[in-house]
All heavy atoms as atom14 arrays in JSON, in Angstrom:
{
  "sequence": "DFPSYHTAGNYFEADEQGRAKMWWECVETMAQVHLLDPEELRLGFLAM",
  "atom14_mask": [
    [1, 1, 1, 1, 1, 1, 1, 1, 0, 0, 0, 0, 0, 0],
    [1, 1, 1, 1, 1, 1, 1, 1, 1, 1, 1, 0, 0, 0],
    [1, 1, 1, 1, 1, 1, 1, 0, 0, 0, 0, 0, 0, 0],
    [1, 1, 1, 1, 1, 1, 0, 0, 0, 0, 0, 0, 0, 0],
    [1, 1, 1, 1, 1, 1, 1, 1, 1, 1, 1, 1, 0, 0],
    [1, 1, 1, 1, 1, 1, 1, 1, 1, 1, 0, 0, 0, 0],
    [1, 1, 1, 1, 1, 1, 1, 0, 0, 0, 0, 0, 0, 0],
    [1, 1, 1, 1, 1, 0, 0, 0, 0, 0, 0, 0, 0, 0],
    [1, 1, 1, 1, 0, 0, 0, 0, 0, 0, 0, 0, 0, 0],
    [1, 1, 1, 1, 1, 1, 1, 1, 0, 0, 0, 0, 0, 0],
    [1, 1, 1, 1, 1, 1, 1, 1, 1, 1, 1, 1, 0, 0],
    [1, 1, 1, 1, 1, 1, 1, 1, 1, 1, 1, 0, 0, 0],
    [1, 1, 1, 1, 1, 1, 1, 1, 1, 0, 0, 0, 0, 0],
    [1, 1, 1, 1, 1, 0, 0, 0, 0, 0, 0, 0, 0, 0],
    [1, 1, 1, 1, 1, 1, 1, 1, 0, 0, 0, 0, 0, 0],
    [1, 1, 1, 1, 1, 1, 1, 1, 1, 0, 0, 0, 0, 0],
    [1, 1, 1, 1, 1, 1, 1, 1, 1, 0, 0, 0, 0, 0],
    [1, 1, 1, 1, 0, 0, 0, 0, 0, 0, 0, 0, 0, 0],
    [1, 1, 1, 1, 1, 1, 1, 1, 1, 1, 1, 0, 0, 0],
    [1, 1, 1, 1, 1, 0, 0, 0, 0, 0, 0, 0, 0, 0],
    [1, 1, 1, 1, 1, 1, 1, 1, 1, 0, 0, 0, 0, 0],
    [1, 1, 1, 1, 1, 1, 1, 1, 0, 0, 0, 0, 0, 0],
    [1, 1, 1, 1, 1, 1, 1, 1, 1, 1, 1, 1, 1, 1],
    [1, 1, 1, 1, 1, 1, 1, 1, 1, 1, 1, 1, 1, 1],
    [1, 1, 1, 1, 1, 1, 1, 1, 1, 0, 0, 0, 0, 0],
    [1, 1, 1, 1, 1, 1, 0, 0, 0, 0, 0, 0, 0, 0],
    [1, 1, 1, 1, 1, 1, 1, 0, 0, 0, 0, 0, 0, 0],
    [1, 1, 1, 1, 1, 1, 1, 1, 1, 0, 0, 0, 0, 0],
    [1, 1, 1, 1, 1, 1, 1, 0, 0, 0, 0, 0, 0, 0],
    [1, 1, 1, 1, 1, 1, 1, 1, 0, 0, 0, 0, 0, 0],
    [1, 1, 1, 1, 1, 0, 0, 0, 0, 0, 0, 0, 0, 0],
    [1, 1, 1, 1, 1, 1, 1, 1, 1, 0, 0, 0, 0, 0],
    [1, 1, 1, 1, 1, 1, 1, 0, 0, 0, 0, 0, 0, 0],
    [1, 1, 1, 1, 1, 1, 1, 1, 1, 1, 0, 0, 0, 0],
    [1, 1, 1, 1, 1, 1, 1, 1, 0, 0, 0, 0, 0, 0],
    [1, 1, 1, 1, 1, 1, 1, 1, 0, 0, 0, 0, 0, 0],
    [1, 1, 1, 1, 1, 1, 1, 1, 0, 0, 0, 0, 0, 0],
    [1, 1, 1, 1, 1, 1, 1, 0, 0, 0, 0, 0, 0, 0],
    [1, 1, 1, 1, 1, 1, 1, 1, 1, 0, 0, 0, 0, 0],
    [1, 1, 1, 1, 1, 1, 1, 1, 1, 0, 0, 0, 0, 0],
    [1, 1, 1, 1, 1, 1, 1, 1, 0, 0, 0, 0, 0, 0],
    [1, 1, 1, 1, 1, 1, 1, 1, 1, 1, 1, 0, 0, 0],
    [1, 1, 1, 1, 1, 1, 1, 1, 0, 0, 0, 0, 0, 0],
    [1, 1, 1, 1, 0, 0, 0, 0, 0, 0, 0, 0, 0, 0],
    [1, 1, 1, 1, 1, 1, 1, 1, 1, 1, 1, 0, 0, 0],
    [1, 1, 1, 1, 1, 1, 1, 1, 0, 0, 0, 0, 0, 0],
    [1, 1, 1, 1, 1, 0, 0, 0, 0, 0, 0, 0, 0, 0],
    [1, 1, 1, 1, 1, 1, 1, 1, 0, 0, 0, 0, 0, 0]
  ],
  "atom14_positions": [
    [[111.87, 20.52, 35.18], [113.14, 19.81, 35.1], [114.28, 20.68, 35.62], [115.04, 20.3, 36.48], [113.44, 19.45, 33.63], [113.14, 18.0, 33.33], [113.14, 17.18, 34.27], [112.89, 17.69, 32.16], [0.0, 0.0, 0.0], [0.0, 0.0, 0.0], [0.0, 0.0, 0.0], [0.0, 0.0, 0.0], [0.0, 0.0, 0.0], [0.0, 0.0, 0.0]],
    [[114.38, 21.87, 35.02], [115.42, 22.84, 35.36], [114.76, 24.19, 35.58], [114.27, 24.77, 34.61], [116.47, 22.94, 34.25], [117.02, 21.62, 33.81], [116.61, 21.06, 32.61], [117.92, 20.92, 34.6], [117.12, 19.84, 32.2], [118.42, 19.7, 34.2], [118.02, 19.15, 32.99], [0.0, 0.0, 0.0], [0.0, 0.0, 0.0], [0.0, 0.0, 0.0]],
    [[114.66, 24.71, 36.78], [115.18, 24.12, 38.01], [114.36, 22.91, 38.45], [113.27, 22.67, 37.94], [115.05, 25.27, 39.02], [113.92, 26.09, 38.48], [114.03, 26.02, 37.0], [0.0, 0.0, 0.0], [0.0, 0.0, 0.0], [0.0, 0.0, 0.0], [0.0, 0.0, 0.0], [0.0, 0.0, 0.0], [0.0, 0.0, 0.0], [0.0, 0.0, 0.0]],
    [[114.9, 22.16, 39.39], [114.28, 20.94, 39.89], [112.85, 21.17, 40.35], [112.51, 22.21, 40.89], [115.12, 20.41, 41.05], [114.34, 19.68, 41.97], [0.0, 0.0, 0.0], [0.0, 0.0, 0.0], [0.0, 0.0, 0.0], [0.0, 0.0, 0.0], [0.0, 0.0, 0.0], [0.0, 0.0, 0.0], [0.0, 0.0, 0.0], [0.0, 0.0, 0.0]],
    [[112.01, 20.15, 40.16], [110.63, 20.24, 40.63], [110.53, 20.35, 42.15], [109.47, 20.69, 42.68], [109.79, 19.05, 40.13], [110.33, 17.67, 40.45], [110.16, 17.09, 41.71], [110.99, 16.92, 39.47], [110.64, 15.82, 42.0], [111.46, 15.64, 39.75], [111.28, 15.09, 41.01], [111.75, 13.83, 41.29], [0.0, 0.0, 0.0], [0.0, 0.0, 0.0]],
    [[111.63, 20.1, 42.85], [111.65, 20.33, 44.3], [111.88, 21.79, 44.65], [111.84, 22.16, 45.84], [112.73, 19.47, 44.97], [112.36, 18.02, 45.09], [111.32, 17.56, 45.87], [112.89, 16.91, 44.5], [111.22, 16.24, 45.77], [112.16, 15.83, 44.95], [0.0, 0.0, 0.0], [0.0, 0.0, 0.0], [0.0, 0.0, 0.0], [0.0, 0.0, 0.0]],
    [[112.13, 22.62, 43.65], [112.4, 24.05, 43.92], [111.53, 25.0, 43.1], [111.54, 26.2, 43.35], [113.87, 24.39, 43.64], [114.17, 24.16, 42.25], [114.81, 23.53, 44.49], [0.0, 0.0, 0.0], [0.0, 0.0, 0.0], [0.0, 0.0, 0.0], [0.0, 0.0, 0.0], [0.0, 0.0, 0.0], [0.0, 0.0, 0.0], [0.0, 0.0, 0.0]],
    [[110.78, 24.48, 42.11], [109.96, 25.36, 41.27], [108.9, 24.54, 40.54], [109.01, 23.32, 40.42], [110.84, 26.09, 40.24], [0.0, 0.0, 0.0], [0.0, 0.0, 0.0], [0.0, 0.0, 0.0], [0.0, 0.0, 0.0], [0.0, 0.0, 0.0], [0.0, 0.0, 0.0], [0.0, 0.0, 0.0], [0.0, 0.0, 0.0], [0.0, 0.0, 0.0]],
    [[107.86, 25.24, 40.05], [106.86, 24.58, 39.23], [105.68, 24.01, 40.01], [105.52, 24.26, 41.21], [0.0, 0.0, 0.0], [0.0, 0.0, 0.0], [0.0, 0.0, 0.0], [0.0, 0.0, 0.0], [0.0, 0.0, 0.0], [0.0, 0.0, 0.0], [0.0, 0.0, 0.0], [0.0, 0.0, 0.0], [0.0, 0.0, 0.0], [0.0, 0.0, 0.0]],
    [[104.83, 23.25, 39.29], [103.56, 22.83, 39.9], [103.74, 21.83, 41.05], [102.93, 21.8, 41.98], [102.59, 22.28, 38.83], [103.17, 21.14, 38.01], [104.35, 20.8, 38.13], [102.34, 20.55, 37.16], [0.0, 0.0, 0.0], [0.0, 0.0, 0.0], [0.0, 0.0, 0.0], [0.0, 0.0, 0.0], [0.0, 0.0, 0.0], [0.0, 0.0, 0.0]],
    [[104.79, 21.03, 41.02], [105.03, 20.12, 42.16], [105.45, 20.92, 43.39], [104.97, 20.67, 44.5], [106.13, 19.12, 41.78], [106.32, 17.99, 42.79], [105.45, 16.9, 42.79], [107.35, 18.02, 43.72], [105.62, 15.86, 43.72], [107.52, 17.0, 44.64], [106.65, 15.92, 44.63], [106.82, 14.9, 45.54], [0.0, 0.0, 0.0], [0.0, 0.0, 0.0]],
    [[106.31, 21.88, 43.19], [106.78, 22.75, 44.27], [105.62, 23.54, 44.87], [105.52, 23.71, 46.1], [107.86, 23.69, 43.73], [108.35, 24.71, 44.71], [109.22, 24.36, 45.74], [107.95, 26.03, 44.6], [109.67, 25.31, 46.64], [108.4, 26.99, 45.5], [109.27, 26.62, 46.52], [0.0, 0.0, 0.0], [0.0, 0.0, 0.0], [0.0, 0.0, 0.0]],
    [[104.73, 24.0, 44.01], [103.63, 24.86, 44.45], [102.47, 24.09, 45.09], [101.65, 24.67, 45.8], [103.11, 25.68, 43.26], [104.12, 26.72, 42.78], [103.84, 27.21, 41.37], [102.8, 26.79, 40.79], [104.67, 27.97, 40.83], [0.0, 0.0, 0.0], [0.0, 0.0, 0.0], [0.0, 0.0, 0.0], [0.0, 0.0, 0.0], [0.0, 0.0, 0.0]],
    [[102.42, 22.78, 44.86], [101.34, 21.97, 45.43], [101.53, 21.8, 46.93], [102.64, 21.98, 47.46], [101.33, 20.6, 44.75], [0.0, 0.0, 0.0], [0.0, 0.0, 0.0], [0.0, 0.0, 0.0], [0.0, 0.0, 0.0], [0.0, 0.0, 0.0], [0.0, 0.0, 0.0], [0.0, 0.0, 0.0], [0.0, 0.0, 0.0], [0.0, 0.0, 0.0]],
    [[100.45, 21.45, 47.64], [100.6, 21.15, 49.06], [101.07, 19.7, 49.21], [101.26, 18.99, 48.22], [99.29, 21.4, 49.82], [98.12, 20.56, 49.3], [98.35, 19.54, 48.61], [96.97, 20.92, 49.59], [0.0, 0.0, 0.0], [0.0, 0.0, 0.0], [0.0, 0.0, 0.0], [0.0, 0.0, 0.0], [0.0, 0.0, 0.0], [0.0, 0.0, 0.0]],
    [[101.27, 19.27, 50.45], [101.83, 17.93, 50.67], [100.94, 16.84, 50.06], [101.44, 15.91, 49.43], [102.01, 17.68, 52.17], [103.11, 18.51, 52.8], [103.37, 18.13, 54.24], [103.19, 16.94, 54.58], [103.75, 19.02, 55.03], [0.0, 0.0, 0.0], [0.0, 0.0, 0.0], [0.0, 0.0, 0.0], [0.0, 0.0, 0.0], [0.0, 0.0, 0.0]],
    [[99.65, 16.99, 50.23], [98.71, 16.01, 49.69], [98.78, 15.99, 48.16], [98.75, 14.93, 47.53], [97.29, 16.34, 50.15], [96.25, 15.3, 49.76], [94.87, 15.66, 50.28], [94.68, 16.67, 50.94], [93.89, 14.81, 50.01], [0.0, 0.0, 0.0], [0.0, 0.0, 0.0], [0.0, 0.0, 0.0], [0.0, 0.0, 0.0], [0.0, 0.0, 0.0]],
    [[98.89, 17.18, 47.56], [98.99, 17.27, 46.1], [100.26, 16.64, 45.57], [100.25, 15.97, 44.53], [0.0, 0.0, 0.0], [0.0, 0.0, 0.0], [0.0, 0.0, 0.0], [0.0, 0.0, 0.0], [0.0, 0.0, 0.0], [0.0, 0.0, 0.0], [0.0, 0.0, 0.0], [0.0, 0.0, 0.0], [0.0, 0.0, 0.0], [0.0, 0.0, 0.0]],
    [[101.37, 16.86, 46.27], [102.63, 16.25, 45.83], [102.57, 14.73, 45.89], [103.03, 14.04, 44.97], [103.79, 16.76, 46.69], [104.12, 18.22, 46.48], [105.28, 18.66, 47.34], [105.3, 20.11, 47.45], [105.33, 20.78, 48.6], [105.35, 20.14, 49.75], [105.34, 22.09, 48.59], [0.0, 0.0, 0.0], [0.0, 0.0, 0.0], [0.0, 0.0, 0.0]],
    [[101.99, 14.22, 46.98], [101.85, 12.76, 47.09], [101.0, 12.22, 45.95], [101.32, 11.19, 45.35], [101.25, 12.4, 48.44], [0.0, 0.0, 0.0], [0.0, 0.0, 0.0], [0.0, 0.0, 0.0], [0.0, 0.0, 0.0], [0.0, 0.0, 0.0], [0.0, 0.0, 0.0], [0.0, 0.0, 0.0], [0.0, 0.0, 0.0], [0.0, 0.0, 0.0]],
    [[99.94, 12.93, 45.61], [99.05, 12.52, 44.51], [99.82, 12.48, 43.19], [99.73, 11.51, 42.43], [97.88, 13.5, 44.41], [96.92, 13.24, 43.24], [95.79, 14.27, 43.26], [94.96, 14.25, 42.0], [94.2, 12.99, 41.83], [0.0, 0.0, 0.0], [0.0, 0.0, 0.0], [0.0, 0.0, 0.0], [0.0, 0.0, 0.0], [0.0, 0.0, 0.0]],
    [[100.62, 13.53, 42.92], [101.39, 13.57, 41.67], [102.4, 12.43, 41.61], [102.57, 11.77, 40.57], [102.1, 14.93, 41.54], [101.15, 16.1, 41.37], [102.0, 17.71, 41.4], [102.78, 17.7, 39.77], [0.0, 0.0, 0.0], [0.0, 0.0, 0.0], [0.0, 0.0, 0.0], [0.0, 0.0, 0.0], [0.0, 0.0, 0.0], [0.0, 0.0, 0.0]],
    [[103.08, 12.21, 42.72], [104.09, 11.14, 42.76], [103.46, 9.78, 42.51], [103.92, 8.99, 41.69], [104.81, 11.17, 44.1], [105.92, 10.17, 44.22], [105.8, 8.86, 44.59], [107.31, 10.39, 43.95], [107.03, 8.24, 44.58], [107.98, 9.17, 44.19], [108.05, 11.49, 43.54], [109.35, 9.02, 44.04], [109.42, 11.35, 43.39], [110.05, 10.12, 43.63]],
    [[102.37, 9.51, 43.25], [101.75, 8.19, 43.12], [101.14, 8.0, 41.74], [101.16, 6.89, 41.2], [100.69, 7.99, 44.2], [101.26, 7.82, 45.58], [100.85, 8.44, 46.72], [102.34, 6.96, 45.98], [101.61, 8.03, 47.79], [102.53, 7.12, 47.36], [103.18, 6.07, 45.29], [103.51, 6.43, 48.08], [104.16, 5.39, 46.0], [104.32, 5.56, 47.37]],
    [[100.62, 9.06, 41.15], [100.07, 8.9, 39.79], [101.18, 8.64, 38.78], [100.98, 7.93, 37.8], [99.23, 10.13, 39.41], [97.96, 10.21, 40.22], [96.76, 10.77, 39.48], [96.89, 11.05, 38.27], [95.7, 10.92, 40.1], [0.0, 0.0, 0.0], [0.0, 0.0, 0.0], [0.0, 0.0, 0.0], [0.0, 0.0, 0.0], [0.0, 0.0, 0.0]],
    [[102.37, 9.19, 39.03], [103.52, 8.86, 38.18], [103.86, 7.38, 38.3], [104.07, 6.7, 37.3], [104.71, 9.74, 38.57], [106.25, 9.31, 37.73], [0.0, 0.0, 0.0], [0.0, 0.0, 0.0], [0.0, 0.0, 0.0], [0.0, 0.0, 0.0], [0.0, 0.0, 0.0], [0.0, 0.0, 0.0], [0.0, 0.0, 0.0], [0.0, 0.0, 0.0]],
    [[103.91, 6.88, 39.54], [104.23, 5.47, 39.77], [103.15, 4.57, 39.15], [103.46, 3.55, 38.52], [104.39, 5.19, 41.27], [104.59, 3.7, 41.53], [105.57, 5.98, 41.83], [0.0, 0.0, 0.0], [0.0, 0.0, 0.0], [0.0, 0.0, 0.0], [0.0, 0.0, 0.0], [0.0, 0.0, 0.0], [0.0, 0.0, 0.0], [0.0, 0.0, 0.0]],
    [[101.9, 4.97, 39.28], [100.8, 4.19, 38.71], [100.86, 4.17, 37.19], [100.61, 3.15, 36.55], [99.46, 4.76, 39.2], [99.17, 4.46, 40.66], [98.1, 5.35, 41.26], [97.38, 6.02, 40.48], [97.99, 5.39, 42.5], [0.0, 0.0, 0.0], [0.0, 0.0, 0.0], [0.0, 0.0, 0.0], [0.0, 0.0, 0.0], [0.0, 0.0, 0.0]],
    [[101.22, 5.31, 36.61], [101.36, 5.39, 35.15], [102.48, 4.47, 34.67], [102.34, 3.74, 33.68], [101.63, 6.83, 34.71], [100.53, 7.65, 35.11], [101.82, 6.93, 33.2], [0.0, 0.0, 0.0], [0.0, 0.0, 0.0], [0.0, 0.0, 0.0], [0.0, 0.0, 0.0], [0.0, 0.0, 0.0], [0.0, 0.0, 0.0], [0.0, 0.0, 0.0]],
    [[103.6, 4.49, 35.38], [104.74, 3.63, 35.03], [104.34, 2.16, 35.11], [104.65, 1.36, 34.2], [105.89, 3.94, 35.98], [107.13, 3.11, 35.77], [108.48, 3.69, 36.83], [107.75, 3.53, 38.47], [0.0, 0.0, 0.0], [0.0, 0.0, 0.0], [0.0, 0.0, 0.0], [0.0, 0.0, 0.0], [0.0, 0.0, 0.0], [0.0, 0.0, 0.0]],
    [[103.64, 1.78, 36.17], [103.19, 0.4, 36.31], [102.23, 0.03, 35.17], [102.26, -1.1, 34.65], [102.52, 0.2, 37.66], [0.0, 0.0, 0.0], [0.0, 0.0, 0.0], [0.0, 0.0, 0.0], [0.0, 0.0, 0.0], [0.0, 0.0, 0.0], [0.0, 0.0, 0.0], [0.0, 0.0, 0.0], [0.0, 0.0, 0.0], [0.0, 0.0, 0.0]],
    [[101.4, 0.97, 34.79], [100.46, 0.73, 33.68], [101.21, 0.44, 32.39], [100.83, -0.45, 31.62], [99.56, 1.98, 33.52], [98.39, 1.8, 32.58], [97.54, 3.06, 32.5], [97.73, 4.02, 33.26], [96.61, 3.09, 31.57], [0.0, 0.0, 0.0], [0.0, 0.0, 0.0], [0.0, 0.0, 0.0], [0.0, 0.0, 0.0], [0.0, 0.0, 0.0]],
    [[102.29, 1.17, 32.15], [103.14, 0.91, 30.98], [103.67, -0.52, 31.02], [103.65, -1.25, 30.02], [104.31, 1.92, 30.91], [105.33, 1.52, 29.85], [103.79, 3.33, 30.64], [0.0, 0.0, 0.0], [0.0, 0.0, 0.0], [0.0, 0.0, 0.0], [0.0, 0.0, 0.0], [0.0, 0.0, 0.0], [0.0, 0.0, 0.0], [0.0, 0.0, 0.0]],
    [[104.14, -0.94, 32.18], [104.79, -2.24, 32.3], [103.82, -3.4, 32.19], [104.22, -4.51, 31.82], [105.55, -2.31, 33.62], [106.63, -1.28, 33.72], [107.12, -0.82, 34.92], [107.29, -0.6, 32.75], [108.05, 0.1, 34.68], [108.17, 0.25, 33.37], [0.0, 0.0, 0.0], [0.0, 0.0, 0.0], [0.0, 0.0, 0.0], [0.0, 0.0, 0.0]],
    [[102.56, -3.16, 32.49], [101.57, -4.23, 32.42], [100.97, -4.39, 31.02], [100.16, -5.29, 30.79], [100.46, -3.98, 33.45], [100.91, -4.12, 34.92], [99.83, -3.62, 35.87], [101.29, -5.56, 35.24], [0.0, 0.0, 0.0], [0.0, 0.0, 0.0], [0.0, 0.0, 0.0], [0.0, 0.0, 0.0], [0.0, 0.0, 0.0], [0.0, 0.0, 0.0]],
    [[101.38, -3.55, 30.08], [100.95, -3.71, 28.69], [101.64, -4.92, 28.06], [102.71, -5.34, 28.5], [101.31, -2.45, 27.88], [100.61, -1.15, 28.29], [101.23, 0.03, 27.54], [99.11, -1.23, 28.02], [0.0, 0.0, 0.0], [0.0, 0.0, 0.0], [0.0, 0.0, 0.0], [0.0, 0.0, 0.0], [0.0, 0.0, 0.0], [0.0, 0.0, 0.0]],
    [[101.04, -5.46, 27.03], [101.6, -6.61, 26.31], [102.34, -6.11, 25.06], [101.68, -5.72, 24.08], [100.49, -7.58, 25.91], [101.01, -8.85, 25.26], [102.17, -8.86, 24.79], [100.25, -9.83, 25.19], [0.0, 0.0, 0.0], [0.0, 0.0, 0.0], [0.0, 0.0, 0.0], [0.0, 0.0, 0.0], [0.0, 0.0, 0.0], [0.0, 0.0, 0.0]],
    [[103.68, -6.09, 25.06], [104.43, -5.56, 23.91], [104.13, -6.32, 22.61], [104.12, -5.72, 21.53], [105.9, -5.74, 24.32], [105.88, -5.87, 25.8], [104.59, -6.54, 26.14], [0.0, 0.0, 0.0], [0.0, 0.0, 0.0], [0.0, 0.0, 0.0], [0.0, 0.0, 0.0], [0.0, 0.0, 0.0], [0.0, 0.0, 0.0], [0.0, 0.0, 0.0]],
    [[103.9, -7.61, 22.73], [103.62, -8.41, 21.53], [102.28, -8.02, 20.92], [102.16, -7.82, 19.71], [103.63, -9.9, 21.89], [103.56, -10.8, 20.68], [103.75, -12.26, 21.04], [104.27, -12.56, 22.13], [103.35, -13.12, 20.21], [0.0, 0.0, 0.0], [0.0, 0.0, 0.0], [0.0, 0.0, 0.0], [0.0, 0.0, 0.0], [0.0, 0.0, 0.0]],
    [[101.29, -7.87, 21.78], [99.96, -7.47, 21.3], [100.0, -6.1, 20.65], [99.28, -5.82, 19.68], [98.99, -7.48, 22.5], [97.55, -7.21, 22.14], [96.67, -7.22, 23.37], [96.79, -8.14, 24.21], [95.86, -6.27, 23.52], [0.0, 0.0, 0.0], [0.0, 0.0, 0.0], [0.0, 0.0, 0.0], [0.0, 0.0, 0.0], [0.0, 0.0, 0.0]],
    [[100.86, -5.21, 21.17], [100.97, -3.84, 20.64], [101.95, -3.74, 19.47], [102.22, -2.65, 18.98], [101.39, -2.89, 21.76], [100.35, -2.67, 22.85], [100.95, -1.92, 24.03], [99.14, -1.92, 22.31], [0.0, 0.0, 0.0], [0.0, 0.0, 0.0], [0.0, 0.0, 0.0], [0.0, 0.0, 0.0], [0.0, 0.0, 0.0], [0.0, 0.0, 0.0]],
    [[102.52, -4.87, 19.08], [103.48, -4.92, 17.95], [104.67, -3.98, 18.18], [105.03, -3.17, 17.34], [102.77, -4.58, 16.63], [101.69, -5.58, 16.26], [100.97, -5.23, 14.98], [100.22, -3.99, 15.1], [100.43, -2.92, 14.35], [101.35, -2.92, 13.4], [99.7, -1.83, 14.51], [0.0, 0.0, 0.0], [0.0, 0.0, 0.0], [0.0, 0.0, 0.0]],
    [[105.27, -4.14, 19.36], [106.41, -3.31, 19.73], [107.74, -4.07, 19.62], [108.75, -3.64, 20.16], [106.23, -2.78, 21.16], [105.07, -1.8, 21.36], [104.87, -1.5, 22.83], [105.31, -0.51, 20.58], [0.0, 0.0, 0.0], [0.0, 0.0, 0.0], [0.0, 0.0, 0.0], [0.0, 0.0, 0.0], [0.0, 0.0, 0.0], [0.0, 0.0, 0.0]],
    [[107.73, -5.17, 18.91], [108.94, -5.98, 18.77], [110.11, -5.23, 18.15], [111.28, -5.59, 18.38], [0.0, 0.0, 0.0], [0.0, 0.0, 0.0], [0.0, 0.0, 0.0], [0.0, 0.0, 0.0], [0.0, 0.0, 0.0], [0.0, 0.0, 0.0], [0.0, 0.0, 0.0], [0.0, 0.0, 0.0], [0.0, 0.0, 0.0], [0.0, 0.0, 0.0]],
    [[109.82, -4.17, 17.4], [110.9, -3.38, 16.78], [111.77, -2.67, 17.81], [112.85, -2.15, 17.46], [110.33, -2.37, 15.77], [109.45, -1.32, 16.4], [109.99, -0.12, 16.84], [108.09, -1.52, 16.53], [109.18, 0.85, 17.42], [107.27, -0.56, 17.1], [107.81, 0.64, 17.54], [0.0, 0.0, 0.0], [0.0, 0.0, 0.0], [0.0, 0.0, 0.0]],
    [[111.34, -2.63, 19.08], [112.13, -1.99, 20.12], [113.21, -2.9, 20.71], [114.01, -2.46, 21.53], [111.21, -1.5, 21.25], [110.25, -0.37, 20.89], [109.31, -0.07, 22.05], [111.0, 0.9, 20.49], [0.0, 0.0, 0.0], [0.0, 0.0, 0.0], [0.0, 0.0, 0.0], [0.0, 0.0, 0.0], [0.0, 0.0, 0.0], [0.0, 0.0, 0.0]],
    [[113.21, -4.16, 20.32], [114.28, -5.07, 20.76], [115.57, -4.71, 20.04], [115.56, -4.03, 19.01], [113.89, -6.51, 20.48], [0.0, 0.0, 0.0], [0.0, 0.0, 0.0], [0.0, 0.0, 0.0], [0.0, 0.0, 0.0], [0.0, 0.0, 0.0], [0.0, 0.0, 0.0], [0.0, 0.0, 0.0], [0.0, 0.0, 0.0], [0.0, 0.0, 0.0]],
    [[116.71, -5.16, 20.57], [118.02, -4.82, 20.0], [118.85, -6.1, 19.76], [119.88, -6.3, 20.42], [118.76, -3.86, 20.94], [118.03, -2.55, 21.13], [118.9, -1.41, 22.25], [118.35, -2.03, 23.83], [0.0, 0.0, 0.0], [0.0, 0.0, 0.0], [0.0, 0.0, 0.0], [0.0, 0.0, 0.0], [0.0, 0.0, 0.0], [0.0, 0.0, 0.0]]
  ]
}
């Protein structure tokens, strides 16, 4: 986070292919979160 992953850490140290893999797996994880059913998981308490 600090310093930015574009200047330090495992993303910085990875090669181009590795960075693309990390980025896409982040996007895939996010999509996986969104495709869950909040009602089935009883997450209604998160509404406001």
